[in-house]
C-alpha atoms as a PDB file:
ATOM      1  CA  UNK A   1       0.000   0.000   0.000  1.00  0.00           C
ATOM      2  CA  UNK A   2       1.209   3.503  -0.789  1.00  0.00           C
ATOM      3  CA  UNK A   3       0.237   7.089  -0.086  1.00  0.00           C
ATOM      4  CA  UNK A   4       1.808  10.319  -1.269  1.00  0.00           C
ATOM      5  CA  UNK A   5       4.622  10.082   1.297  1.00  0.00           C
ATOM      6  CA  UNK A   6       4.388   6.599   2.784  1.00  0.00           C
ATOM      7  CA  UNK A   7       4.578   2.893   2.086  1.00  0.00           C
ATOM      8  CA  UNK A   8       2.650   0.447   4.271  1.00  0.00           C
ATOM      9  CA  UNK A   9       3.838  -3.151   4.063  1.00  0.00           C
ATOM     10  CA  UNK A  10       4.846  -6.153   6.139  1.00  0.00           C
ATOM     11  CA  UNK A  11       7.554  -6.060   8.773  1.00  0.00           C
ATOM     12  CA  UNK A  12      10.955  -7.321   7.583  1.00  0.00           C
ATOM     13  CA  UNK A  13      13.914  -8.807   9.431  1.00  0.00           C
ATOM     14  CA  UNK A  14      15.896  -5.678   8.551  1.00  0.00           C
ATOM     15  CA  UNK A  15      13.387  -3.450  10.412  1.00  0.00           C
ATOM     16  CA  UNK A  16      14.551  -4.463  13.888  1.00  0.00           C
ATOM     17  CA  UNK A  17      16.656  -1.372  14.617  1.00  0.00           C
ATOM     18  CA  UNK A  18      14.076   1.138  13.433  1.00  0.00           C
ATOM     19  CA  UNK A  19      11.276  -0.724  15.237  1.00  0.00           C
ATOM     20  CA  UNK A  20      13.346  -0.574  18.417  1.00  0.00           C
ATOM     21  CA  UNK A  21      14.136   3.139  18.023  1.00  0.00           C
ATOM     22  CA  UNK A  22      10.678   4.337  17.009  1.00  0.00           C
ATOM     23  CA  UNK A  23       8.413   2.023  18.996  1.00  0.00           C
ATOM     24  CA  UNK A  24       9.806  -0.270  21.688  1.00  0.00           C
ATOM     25  CA  UNK A  25      12.462   2.124  23.029  1.00  0.00           C
ATOM     26  CA  UNK A  26      10.514   5.369  22.560  1.00  0.00           C
ATOM     27  CA  UNK A  27       9.083   6.180  25.983  1.00  0.00           C
ATOM     28  CA  UNK A  28       6.900   8.991  24.593  1.00  0.00           C
ATOM     29  CA  UNK A  29       5.221   6.530  22.233  1.00  0.00           C
ATOM     30  CA  UNK A  30       4.729   3.957  24.986  1.00  0.00           C
ATOM     31  CA  UNK A  31       2.857   6.434  27.152  1.00  0.00           C
ATOM     32  CA  UNK A  32      -0.189   5.869  24.936  1.00  0.00           C
ATOM     33  CA  UNK A  33       0.700   2.855  22.753  1.00  0.00           C
ATOM     34  CA  UNK A  34       0.585  -0.482  24.562  1.00  0.00           C
ATOM     35  CA  UNK A  35       3.893  -2.253  24.014  1.00  0.00           C
ATOM     36  CA  UNK A  36       6.612  -3.729  26.220  1.00  0.00           C
ATOM     37  CA  UNK A  37       9.531  -1.341  26.703  1.00  0.00           C
ATOM     38  CA  UNK A  38      12.949  -2.568  25.549  1.00  0.00           C
ATOM     39  CA  UNK A  39      15.951  -1.000  27.207  1.00  0.00           C
ATOM     40  CA  UNK A  40      18.471  -2.296  24.675  1.00  0.00           C
ATOM     41  CA  UNK A  41      18.668  -3.991  21.299  1.00  0.00           C
ATOM     42  CA  UNK A  42      20.028  -7.094  22.999  1.00  0.00           C
ATOM     43  CA  UNK A  43      16.923  -7.591  25.128  1.00  0.00           C
ATOM     44  CA  UNK A  44      14.492  -6.598  22.362  1.00  0.00           C
ATOM     45  CA  UNK A  45      12.678  -9.726  21.118  1.00  0.00           C
ATOM     46  CA  UNK A  46      11.774  -8.944  17.521  1.00  0.00           C
ATOM     47  CA  UNK A  47      11.460 -12.533  16.288  1.00  0.00           C
ATOM     48  CA  UNK A  48       7.640 -12.754  16.148  1.00  0.00           C
ATOM     49  CA  UNK A  49       7.076  -9.576  14.107  1.00  0.00           C
ATOM     50  CA  UNK A  50       8.468 -10.158  10.583  1.00  0.00           C
ATOM     51  CA  UNK A  51       6.005 -11.726   8.175  1.00  0.00           C
ATOM     52  CA  UNK A  52       2.911 -11.351  10.343  1.00  0.00           C
ATOM     53  CA  UNK A  53      -0.169 -10.783   8.184  1.00  0.00           C
ATOM     54  CA  UNK A  54      -1.867  -8.523  10.736  1.00  0.00           C
ATOM     55  CA  UNK A  55       1.076  -6.210  11.454  1.00  0.00           C
ATOM     56  CA  UNK A  56       2.384  -3.592   9.037  1.00  0.00           C
ATOM     57  CA  UNK A  57       5.251  -1.149   8.875  1.00  0.00           C
ATOM     58  CA  UNK A  58       4.640   2.524   8.153  1.00  0.00           C
ATOM     59  CA  UNK A  59       7.621   3.670   6.082  1.00  0.00           C
ATOM     60  CA  UNK A  60       8.814   6.892   4.545  1.00  0.00           C
ATOM     61  CA  UNK A  61       8.538   6.355   0.804  1.00  0.00           C
ATOM     62  CA  UNK A  62      11.685   8.396   0.204  1.00  0.00           C
ATOM     63  CA  UNK A  63      13.964   6.236   2.380  1.00  0.00           C
ATOM     64  CA  UNK A  64      12.062   3.007   3.129  1.00  0.00           C
ATOM     65  CA  UNK A  65      12.749   3.589   6.839  1.00  0.00           C
ATOM     66  CA  UNK A  66      10.204   2.192   9.315  1.00  0.00           C
ATOM     67  CA  UNK A  67       8.845   5.099  11.359  1.00  0.00           C
ATOM     68  CA  UNK A  68       5.763   3.444  12.815  1.00  0.00           C
ATOM     69  CA  UNK A  69       3.451   0.455  12.784  1.00  0.00           C
ATOM     70  CA  UNK A  70      -0.253  -0.319  12.331  1.00  0.00           C
ATOM     71  CA  UNK A  71      -2.092  -3.566  12.953  1.00  0.00           C
ATOM     72  CA  UNK A  72      -5.571  -5.042  13.061  1.00  0.00           C
ATOM     73  CA  UNK A  73      -6.948  -7.573  15.533  1.00  0.00           C
ATOM     74  CA  UNK A  74     -10.102  -9.040  17.125  1.00  0.00           C
ATOM     75  CA  UNK A  75     -11.519  -9.784  13.687  1.00  0.00           C
ATOM     76  CA  UNK A  76     -15.091 -11.082  13.919  1.00  0.00           C
ATOM     77  CA  UNK A  77     -18.266 -10.901  11.807  1.00  0.00           C
ATOM     78  CA  UNK A  78     -16.921  -8.286   9.406  1.00  0.00           C
ATOM     79  CA  UNK A  79     -15.478  -6.050  12.106  1.00  0.00           C
ATOM     80  CA  UNK A  80     -12.042  -5.550  13.627  1.00  0.00           C
ATOM     81  CA  UNK A  81     -10.018  -3.142  15.727  1.00  0.00           C
ATOM     82  CA  UNK A  82      -6.849  -1.325  14.708  1.00  0.00           C
ATOM     83  CA  UNK A  83      -3.879  -0.030  16.663  1.00  0.00           C
ATOM     84  CA  UNK A  84      -1.067   2.243  15.577  1.00  0.00           C
ATOM     85  CA  UNK A  85       2.041   3.974  16.806  1.00  0.00           C
ATOM     86  CA  UNK A  86       4.672   6.225  15.267  1.00  0.00           C
ATOM     87  CA  UNK A  87       8.040   7.387  16.548  1.00  0.00           C
ATOM     88  CA  UNK A  88       7.848  10.648  18.526  1.00  0.00           C
ATOM     89  CA  UNK A  89      10.431  12.174  16.205  1.00  0.00           C
ATOM     90  CA  UNK A  90       7.845  12.001  13.420  1.00  0.00           C
ATOM     91  CA  UNK A  91       4.900  13.498  15.286  1.00  0.00           C
ATOM     92  CA  UNK A  92       3.216  16.605  13.937  1.00  0.00           C
ATOM     93  CA  UNK A  93       3.648  15.864  10.212  1.00  0.00           C
ATOM     94  CA  UNK A  94       0.325  14.160   9.481  1.00  0.00           C
ATOM     95  CA  UNK A  95       1.933  10.786   8.826  1.00  0.00           C
ATOM     96  CA  UNK A  96      -0.428   8.829  11.071  1.00  0.00           C
ATOM     97  CA  UNK A  97      -3.587  10.274   9.503  1.00  0.00           C
ATOM     98  CA  UNK A  98      -2.202   9.617   6.027  1.00  0.00           C
ATOM     99  CA  UNK A  99      -1.330   6.021   6.912  1.00  0.00           C
ATOM    100  CA  UNK A 100      -4.579   5.188   8.712  1.00  0.00           C
ATOM    101  CA  UNK A 101      -6.753   6.503   5.882  1.00  0.00           C
ATOM    102  CA  UNK A 102      -4.976   4.174   3.473  1.00  0.00           C
ATOM    103  CA  UNK A 103      -5.062   1.266   5.930  1.00  0.00           C
ATOM    104  CA  UNK A 104      -8.812   1.661   6.405  1.00  0.00           C
ATOM    105  CA  UNK A 105      -9.268   1.475   2.628  1.00  0.00           C
ATOM    106  CA  UNK A 106      -7.260  -1.766   2.658  1.00  0.00           C
ATOM    107  CA  UNK A 107      -9.386  -3.275   5.430  1.00  0.00           C
ATOM    108  CA  UNK A 108     -12.651  -2.345   3.747  1.00  0.00           C
ATOM    109  CA  UNK A 109     -11.774  -3.240   0.174  1.00  0.00           C
ATOM    110  CA  UNK A 110      -9.297  -6.080   0.451  1.00  0.00           C
ATOM    111  CA  UNK A 111     -10.210  -7.663   3.787  1.00  0.00           C
ATOM    112  CA  UNK A 112     -13.956  -7.125   3.430  1.00  0.00           C
ATOM    113  CA  UNK A 113     -14.478  -5.380   6.778  1.00  0.00           C
ATOM    114  CA  UNK A 114     -17.750  -3.563   7.302  1.00  0.00           C
ATOM    115  CA  UNK A 115     -16.819  -1.801  10.558  1.00  0.00           C
ATOM    116  CA  UNK A 116     -13.448  -0.841  12.014  1.00  0.00           C
ATOM    117  CA  UNK A 117     -12.893   0.254  15.624  1.00  0.00           C
ATOM    118  CA  UNK A 118      -9.997   2.018  17.309  1.00  0.00           C
ATOM    119  CA  UNK A 119      -9.476   3.079  20.913  1.00  0.00           C
ATOM    120  CA  UNK A 120      -7.342   5.472  22.920  1.00  0.00           C
ATOM    121  CA  UNK A 121      -6.750   6.303  26.560  1.00  0.00           C
ATOM    122  CA  UNK A 122      -9.094   9.071  27.675  1.00  0.00           C
ATOM    123  CA  UNK A 123      -7.237  12.351  27.497  1.00  0.00           C
ATOM    124  CA  UNK A 124      -5.166  11.392  24.445  1.00  0.00           C
ATOM    125  CA  UNK A 125      -6.420  14.218  22.257  1.00  0.00           C
ATOM    126  CA  UNK A 126      -3.854  13.655  19.516  1.00  0.00           C
ATOM    127  CA  UNK A 127      -5.170  10.148  18.839  1.00  0.00           C
ATOM    128  CA  UNK A 128      -8.758  11.374  18.977  1.00  0.00           C
ATOM    129  CA  UNK A 129      -7.983  13.992  16.328  1.00  0.00           C
ATOM    130  CA  UNK A 130      -6.379  11.378  14.080  1.00  0.00           C
ATOM    131  CA  UNK A 131      -9.468   9.191  14.285  1.00  0.00           C
ATOM    132  CA  UNK A 132     -11.801  12.090  13.545  1.00  0.00           C
ATOM    133  CA  UNK A 133      -9.687  13.180  10.555  1.00  0.00           C
ATOM    134  CA  UNK A 134      -9.988   9.618   9.273  1.00  0.00           C
ATOM    135  CA  UNK A 135     -13.779   9.767   9.448  1.00  0.00           C
ATOM    136  CA  UNK A 136     -14.211   7.803  12.667  1.00  0.00           C
ATOM    137  CA  UNK A 137     -16.849   8.833  15.189  1.00  0.00           C
ATOM    138  CA  UNK A 138     -17.436   8.182  18.897  1.00  0.00           C
ATOM    139  CA  UNK A 139     -18.871   4.745  19.679  1.00  0.00           C
ATOM    140  CA  UNK A 140     -18.538   4.088  23.413  1.00  0.00           C
ATOM    141  CA  UNK A 141     -16.271   4.334  26.446  1.00  0.00           C
ATOM    142  CA  UNK A 142     -15.032   1.352  28.422  1.00  0.00           C
ATOM    143  CA  UNK A 143     -14.183   2.331  32.006  1.00  0.00           C
ATOM    144  CA  UNK A 144     -11.198   0.738  33.740  1.00  0.00           C
ATOM    145  CA  UNK A 145     -10.717  -1.706  30.875  1.00  0.00           C
ATOM    146  CA  UNK A 146      -7.072  -2.381  31.667  1.00  0.00           C
ATOM    147  CA  UNK A 147      -4.107  -1.423  33.801  1.00  0.00           C
ATOM    148  CA  UNK A 148      -1.114   0.003  31.934  1.00  0.00           C
ATOM    149  CA  UNK A 149       2.054   1.446  33.461  1.00  0.00           C
ATOM    150  CA  UNK A 150       0.480   0.912  36.855  1.00  0.00           C
ATOM    151  CA  UNK A 151      -2.603   3.024  36.100  1.00  0.00           C
ATOM    152  CA  UNK A 152      -6.191   1.881  35.557  1.00  0.00           C
ATOM    153  CA  UNK A 153      -7.191   3.129  32.111  1.00  0.00           C
ATOM    154  CA  UNK A 154     -10.485   4.058  30.509  1.00  0.00           C
ATOM    155  CA  UNK A 155     -10.625   3.425  26.778  1.00  0.00           C
ATOM    156  CA  UNK A 156     -12.546   5.642  24.374  1.00  0.00           C
ATOM    157  CA  UNK A 157     -13.741   3.703  21.313  1.00  0.00           C
ATOM    158  CA  UNK A 158     -14.325   5.237  17.897  1.00  0.00           C
ATOM    159  CA  UNK A 159     -15.710   3.456  14.826  1.00  0.00           C
ATOM    160  CA  UNK A 160     -16.080   3.852  11.088  1.00  0.00           C
ATOM    161  CA  UNK A 161     -18.457   1.965   8.811  1.00  0.00           C
ATOM    162  CA  UNK A 162     -17.650   1.093   5.242  1.00  0.00           C
ATOM    163  CA  UNK A 163     -18.788   3.587   2.640  1.00  0.00           C
ATOM    164  CA  UNK A 164     -19.359   2.670  -0.999  1.00  0.00           C
ATOM    165  CA  UNK A 165     -16.232   2.245  -3.138  1.00  0.00           C
ATOM    166  CA  UNK A 166     -18.180   3.527  -6.133  1.00  0.00           C
ATOM    167  CA  UNK A 167     -21.075   5.983  -6.178  1.00  0.00           C
ATOM    168  CA  UNK A 168     -22.699   6.067  -9.598  1.00  0.00           C
ATOM    169  CA  UNK A 169     -24.802   9.157 -10.231  1.00  0.00           C
ATOM    170  CA  UNK A 170     -27.036   8.686 -13.252  1.00  0.00           C
ATOM    171  CA  UNK A 171     -29.603  11.100 -14.585  1.00  0.00           C
ATOM    172  CA  UNK A 172     -30.469  13.360 -17.483  1.00  0.00           C
ATOM    173  CA  UNK A 173     -28.168  16.130 -18.596  1.00  0.00           C
ATOM    174  CA  UNK A 174     -28.574  19.313 -16.474  1.00  0.00           C
ATOM    175  CA  UNK A 175     -30.166  17.412 -13.564  1.00  0.00           C
ATOM    176  CA  UNK A 176     -27.450  18.738 -11.227  1.00  0.00           C
ATOM    177  CA  UNK A 177     -25.249  15.650 -10.977  1.00  0.00           C
ATOM    178  CA  UNK A 178     -21.959  17.529 -11.296  1.00  0.00           C
ATOM    179  CA  UNK A 179     -22.795  19.864  -8.417  1.00  0.00           C
ATOM    180  CA  UNK A 180     -23.901  16.934  -6.288  1.00  0.00           C
ATOM    181  CA  UNK A 181     -20.710  15.041  -7.171  1.00  0.00           C
ATOM    182  CA  UNK A 182     -18.572  17.973  -5.979  1.00  0.00           C
ATOM    183  CA  UNK A 183     -20.582  18.240  -2.762  1.00  0.00           C
ATOM    184  CA  UNK A 184     -20.187  14.486  -2.213  1.00  0.00           C
ATOM    185  CA  UNK A 185     -16.451  14.724  -2.790  1.00  0.00           C
ATOM    186  CA  UNK A 186     -16.096  17.479  -0.184  1.00  0.00           C
ATOM    187  CA  UNK A 187     -18.342  15.716   2.319  1.00  0.00           C
ATOM    188  CA  UNK A 188     -16.385  12.476   1.998  1.00  0.00           C
ATOM    189  CA  UNK A 189     -13.106  14.373   2.402  1.00  0.00           C
ATOM    190  CA  UNK A 190     -14.449  16.041   5.546  1.00  0.00           C
ATOM    191  CA  UNK A 191     -15.163  12.545   6.867  1.00  0.00           C
ATOM    192  CA  UNK A 192     -11.733  11.175   6.044  1.00  0.00           C
ATOM    193  CA  UNK A 193     -12.349   9.564   2.639  1.00  0.00           C
ATOM    194  CA  UNK A 194     -10.551  10.666  -0.519  1.00  0.00           C
ATOM    195  CA  UNK A 195     -12.802  10.587  -3.575  1.00  0.00           C
ATOM    196  CA  UNK A 196     -12.232  11.238  -7.272  1.00  0.00           C
ATOM    197  CA  UNK A 197     -14.948  12.384  -9.684  1.00  0.00           C
ATOM    198  CA  UNK A 198     -15.027  10.855 -13.162  1.00  0.00           C
ATOM    199  CA  UNK A 199     -17.556  12.310 -15.574  1.00  0.00           C
ATOM    200  CA  UNK A 200     -18.447  12.230 -19.248  1.00  0.00           C
ATOM    201  CA  UNK A 201     -16.856  15.657 -19.608  1.00  0.00           C
ATOM    202  CA  UNK A 202     -13.476  14.095 -18.782  1.00  0.00           C
ATOM    203  CA  UNK A 203     -13.688  11.890 -21.864  1.00  0.00           C
ATOM    204  CA  UNK A 204     -15.955  13.679 -24.353  1.00  0.00           C
ATOM    205  CA  UNK A 205     -15.776  17.171 -25.803  1.00  0.00           C
ATOM    206  CA  UNK A 206     -19.185  18.707 -25.145  1.00  0.00           C
ATOM    207  CA  UNK A 207     -20.564  21.385 -27.439  1.00  0.00           C
ATOM    208  CA  UNK A 208     -23.641  23.588 -27.579  1.00  0.00           C
ATOM    209  CA  UNK A 209     -23.709  23.051 -31.330  1.00  0.00           C
ATOM    210  CA  UNK A 210     -23.532  19.270 -31.625  1.00  0.00           C
ATOM    211  CA  UNK A 211     -25.502  16.523 -29.890  1.00  0.00           C
ATOM    212  CA  UNK A 212     -23.764  13.588 -28.218  1.00  0.00           C
ATOM    213  CA  UNK A 213     -24.909  10.219 -29.522  1.00  0.00           C
ATOM    214  CA  UNK A 214     -25.032   6.902 -27.683  1.00  0.00           C
ATOM    215  CA  UNK A 215     -22.299   5.498 -29.941  1.00  0.00           C
ATOM    216  CA  UNK A 216     -20.008   8.386 -28.935  1.00  0.00           C
ATOM    217  CA  UNK A 217     -20.537   7.616 -25.261  1.00  0.00           C
ATOM    218  CA  UNK A 218     -20.095   3.875 -25.672  1.00  0.00           C
ATOM    219  CA  UNK A 219     -16.804   4.441 -27.520  1.00  0.00           C
ATOM    220  CA  UNK A 220     -15.198   6.114 -24.484  1.00  0.00           C
ATOM    221  CA  UNK A 221     -16.418   3.596 -21.899  1.00  0.00           C
ATOM    222  CA  UNK A 222     -13.246   1.432 -22.039  1.00  0.00           C
ATOM    223  CA  UNK A 223     -11.101   4.475 -21.163  1.00  0.00           C
ATOM    224  CA  UNK A 224     -13.509   5.481 -18.420  1.00  0.00           C
ATOM    225  CA  UNK A 225     -13.382   1.961 -16.961  1.00  0.00           C
ATOM    226  CA  UNK A 226      -9.578   2.132 -16.949  1.00  0.00           C
ATOM    227  CA  UNK A 227      -9.817   5.405 -15.055  1.00  0.00           C
ATOM    228  CA  UNK A 228     -12.187   3.867 -12.501  1.00  0.00           C
ATOM    229  CA  UNK A 229      -9.854   0.919 -11.963  1.00  0.00           C
ATOM    230  CA  UNK A 230      -6.858   3.226 -11.457  1.00  0.00           C
ATOM    231  CA  UNK A 231      -8.665   5.247  -8.781  1.00  0.00           C
ATOM    232  CA  UNK A 232      -9.809   2.120  -6.935  1.00  0.00           C
ATOM    233  CA  UNK A 233      -6.292   0.684  -7.001  1.00  0.00           C
ATOM    234  CA  UNK A 234      -5.119   3.936  -5.410  1.00  0.00           C
ATOM    235  CA  UNK A 235      -7.440   3.258  -2.479  1.00  0.00           C
ATOM    236  CA  UNK A 236      -9.876   6.066  -3.225  1.00  0.00           C
ATOM    237  CA  UNK A 237     -13.629   6.241  -3.715  1.00  0.00           C
ATOM    238  CA  UNK A 238     -14.939   6.858  -7.237  1.00  0.00           C
ATOM    239  CA  UNK A 239     -17.879   9.168  -7.908  1.00  0.00           C
ATOM    240  CA  UNK A 240     -19.149   8.551 -11.447  1.00  0.00           C
ATOM    241  CA  UNK A 241     -21.123  11.407 -12.998  1.00  0.00           C
ATOM    242  CA  UNK A 242     -22.903   9.986 -16.049  1.00  0.00           C
ATOM    243  CA  UNK A 243     -25.835  10.143 -18.442  1.00  0.00           C
ATOM    244  CA  UNK A 244     -26.503   6.495 -19.306  1.00  0.00           C
ATOM    245  CA  UNK A 245     -28.921   5.908 -22.160  1.00  0.00           C
ATOM    246  CA  UNK A 246     -28.491   2.223 -23.032  1.00  0.00           C
ATOM    247  CA  UNK A 247     -28.182  -1.217 -21.503  1.00  0.00           C
ATOM    248  CA  UNK A 248     -24.733  -1.801 -23.004  1.00  0.00           C
ATOM    249  CA  UNK A 249     -23.272   1.317 -21.364  1.00  0.00           C
ATOM    250  CA  UNK A 250     -24.870   0.443 -18.018  1.00  0.00           C
ATOM    251  CA  UNK A 251     -23.609  -3.142 -18.232  1.00  0.00           C
ATOM    252  CA  UNK A 252     -20.060  -2.100 -19.133  1.00  0.00           C
ATOM    253  CA  UNK A 253     -19.826   0.260 -16.149  1.00  0.00           C
ATOM    254  CA  UNK A 254     -21.349  -2.274 -13.755  1.00  0.00           C
ATOM    255  CA  UNK A 255     -18.931  -4.954 -14.971  1.00  0.00           C
ATOM    256  CA  UNK A 256     -16.007  -2.586 -14.371  1.00  0.00           C
ATOM    257  CA  UNK A 257     -16.915  -2.259 -10.697  1.00  0.00           C
ATOM    258  CA  UNK A 258     -18.357  -5.726 -10.114  1.00  0.00           C
ATOM    259  CA  UNK A 259     -15.793  -6.518  -7.392  1.00  0.00           C
ATOM    260  CA  UNK A 260     -16.362  -3.241  -5.561  1.00  0.00           C
ATOM    261  CA  UNK A 261     -19.090  -2.029  -3.262  1.00  0.00           C
ATOM    262  CA  UNK A 262     -21.191  -0.056  -5.710  1.00  0.00           C
ATOM    263  CA  UNK A 263     -24.154   2.180  -4.959  1.00  0.00           C
ATOM    264  CA  UNK A 264     -26.350   3.691  -7.660  1.00  0.00           C
ATOM    265  CA  UNK A 265     -28.214   6.965  -7.394  1.00  0.00           C
ATOM    266  CA  UNK A 266     -30.808   8.353  -9.811  1.00  0.00           C
ATOM    267  CA  UNK A 267     -30.675  12.154  -9.919  1.00  0.00           C
ATOM    268  CA  UNK A 268     -33.780  13.739 -11.403  1.00  0.00           C
ATOM    269  CA  UNK A 269     -35.770  16.955 -11.451  1.00  0.00           C
ATOM    270  CA  UNK A 270     -38.859  18.280 -13.180  1.00  0.00           C
ATOM    271  CA  UNK A 271     -38.743  19.026 -16.908  1.00  0.00           C
ATOM    272  CA  UNK A 272     -39.078  22.782 -16.504  1.00  0.00           C
ATOM    273  CA  UNK A 273     -36.034  22.822 -14.233  1.00  0.00           C
ATOM    274  CA  UNK A 274     -34.092  20.750 -16.787  1.00  0.00           C
ATOM    275  CA  UNK A 275     -34.950  23.234 -19.553  1.00  0.00           C
ATOM    276  CA  UNK A 276     -34.023  26.238 -17.435  1.00  0.00           C
ATOM    277  CA  UNK A 277     -30.686  24.781 -16.305  1.00  0.00           C
ATOM    278  CA  UNK A 278     -29.780  23.720 -19.834  1.00  0.00           C
ATOM    279  CA  UNK A 279     -30.441  27.254 -21.115  1.00  0.00           C
ATOM    280  CA  UNK A 280     -28.494  28.835 -18.225  1.00  0.00           C
ATOM    281  CA  UNK A 281     -25.383  26.710 -18.628  1.00  0.00           C
ATOM    282  CA  UNK A 282     -25.114  27.315 -22.376  1.00  0.00           C
ATOM    283  CA  UNK A 283     -22.680  24.478 -23.064  1.00  0.00           C
ATOM    284  CA  UNK A 284     -25.120  21.773 -24.113  1.00  0.00           C
ATOM    285  CA  UNK A 285     -26.976  21.255 -27.352  1.00  0.00           C
ATOM    286  CA  UNK A 286     -30.549  22.571 -27.032  1.00  0.00           C
ATOM    287  CA  UNK A 287     -32.967  19.759 -26.232  1.00  0.00           C
ATOM    288  CA  UNK A 288     -30.309  17.322 -25.014  1.00  0.00           C
ATOM    289  CA  UNK A 289     -31.623  17.403 -21.433  1.00  0.00           C
ATOM    290  CA  UNK A 290     -35.124  16.304 -22.430  1.00  0.00           C
ATOM    291  CA  UNK A 291     -33.761  13.755 -24.883  1.00  0.00           C
ATOM    292  CA  UNK A 292     -31.521  12.206 -22.243  1.00  0.00           C
ATOM    293  CA  UNK A 293     -34.468  12.091 -19.842  1.00  0.00           C
ATOM    294  CA  UNK A 294     -36.501  10.218 -22.440  1.00  0.00           C
ATOM    295  CA  UNK A 295     -33.798   7.639 -23.179  1.00  0.00           C
ATOM    296  CA  UNK A 296     -32.289   7.347 -19.705  1.00  0.00           C
ATOM    297  CA  UNK A 297     -31.362   3.789 -18.713  1.00  0.00           C
ATOM    298  CA  UNK A 298     -32.402   2.226 -16.415  1.00  0.00           C
ATOM    299  CA  UNK A 299     -35.578   3.893 -15.236  1.00  0.00           C
ATOM    300  CA  UNK A 300     -35.787   1.938 -11.984  1.00  0.00           C
ATOM    301  CA  UNK A 301     -33.734  -0.309  -9.705  1.00  0.00           C
ATOM    302  CA  UNK A 302     -31.440   2.280  -8.076  1.00  0.00           C
ATOM    303  CA  UNK A 303     -30.238   2.138  -4.491  1.00  0.00           C
ATOM    304  CA  UNK A 304     -31.514   5.693  -4.023  1.00  0.00           C
ATOM    305  CA  UNK A 305     -33.430   8.311  -5.997  1.00  0.00           C
ATOM    306  CA  UNK A 306     -33.077  12.026  -5.277  1.00  0.00           C
ATOM    307  CA  UNK A 307     -34.889  15.044  -6.675  1.00  0.00           C
ATOM    308  CA  UNK A 308     -32.660  18.054  -7.304  1.00  0.00           C
ATOM    309  CA  UNK A 309     -35.457  20.448  -8.303  1.00  0.00           C
ATOM    310  CA  UNK A 310     -35.263  22.429  -5.056  1.00  0.00           C
ATOM    311  CA  UNK A 311     -32.780  20.766  -2.669  1.00  0.00           C
ATOM    312  CA  UNK A 312     -29.210  22.060  -2.581  1.00  0.00           C
ATOM    313  CA  UNK A 313     -26.290  19.866  -3.729  1.00  0.00           C
ATOM    314  CA  UNK A 314     -24.957  19.862  -0.149  1.00  0.00           C
ATOM    315  CA  UNK A 315     -28.268  18.656   1.277  1.00  0.00           C
ATOM    316  CA  UNK A 316     -28.499  15.925  -1.351  1.00  0.00           C
ATOM    317  CA  UNK A 317     -24.911  14.849  -0.667  1.00  0.00           C
ATOM    318  CA  UNK A 318     -25.778  14.460   3.024  1.00  0.00           C
ATOM    319  CA  UNK A 319     -28.864  12.453   2.083  1.00  0.00           C
ATOM    320  CA  UNK A 320     -26.876  10.191  -0.240  1.00  0.00           C
ATOM    321  CA  UNK A 321     -24.113   9.445   2.255  1.00  0.00           C
ATOM    322  CA  UNK A 322     -26.621   8.918   5.051  1.00  0.00           C
ATOM    323  CA  UNK A 323     -28.697   6.506   2.986  1.00  0.00           C
ATOM    324  CA  UNK A 324     -25.860   4.552   1.372  1.00  0.00           C
ATOM    325  CA  UNK A 325     -23.368   4.171   4.250  1.00  0.00           C
END
């Protein structure tokens, strides 16, 4: 797994020194991260760490140096808990948030988790902020759950539930899908999920003077599917903004995301609103909005239908995330 600055992979035999320095011998880390302190490399028992499937190194991409760790445990019925720690010399740079966001994507998409929990000692505001930046929310508190460093500790639990990997917005031209897609992207980011919007405009040159035919749209679908796959491989959510007017286009897109958690949303509005928006935007061929409404495919069978005639894009984004999460 990779992020902009980090690599997250399995622990290696060669990581012993950096693990010792940044975790097991770092007293600042061990104030809040449960781990046995090692006073010296000689007494540090590293033998059980390399190759474990539930324990990962957090590395600087530039150097490959292990600066922290993240693991998952207590896996049961589609849920698990995660733990993480990073050397105190690397605090304050956003590395933990960056790593945990990517690790959550891995757990949801590759391990099939539906819910992920994390906990911290009450009073550990830094860890709470990391969890909130990653989209986690308060779940419960467990009083006096354990004794650590001679002190009885309360644990604050946060949780995050899997969101769709792919949100497909379908509807007639000028129904407001692009504005909703942008609002969804911002809302997901605010909740710790990176999302990328892919729309017809990214692959087709739109014009107010020429209509777009179904054959034109179908011709670009392979490139659009490649784009979707690339975003998913990068661990991000895809928001597809589309006007689908045939079974073959619908089938091709659904096949491209068949292994992902897909949610479909029909975006509609009344005809008068379509006409007004089409005239106001000025970059679509006259009549294309009504034509796309007539030939829209499918008409039914969506996970959610929203009406954009009066509601704001932000309100509809909230409704979509609330209904589909």
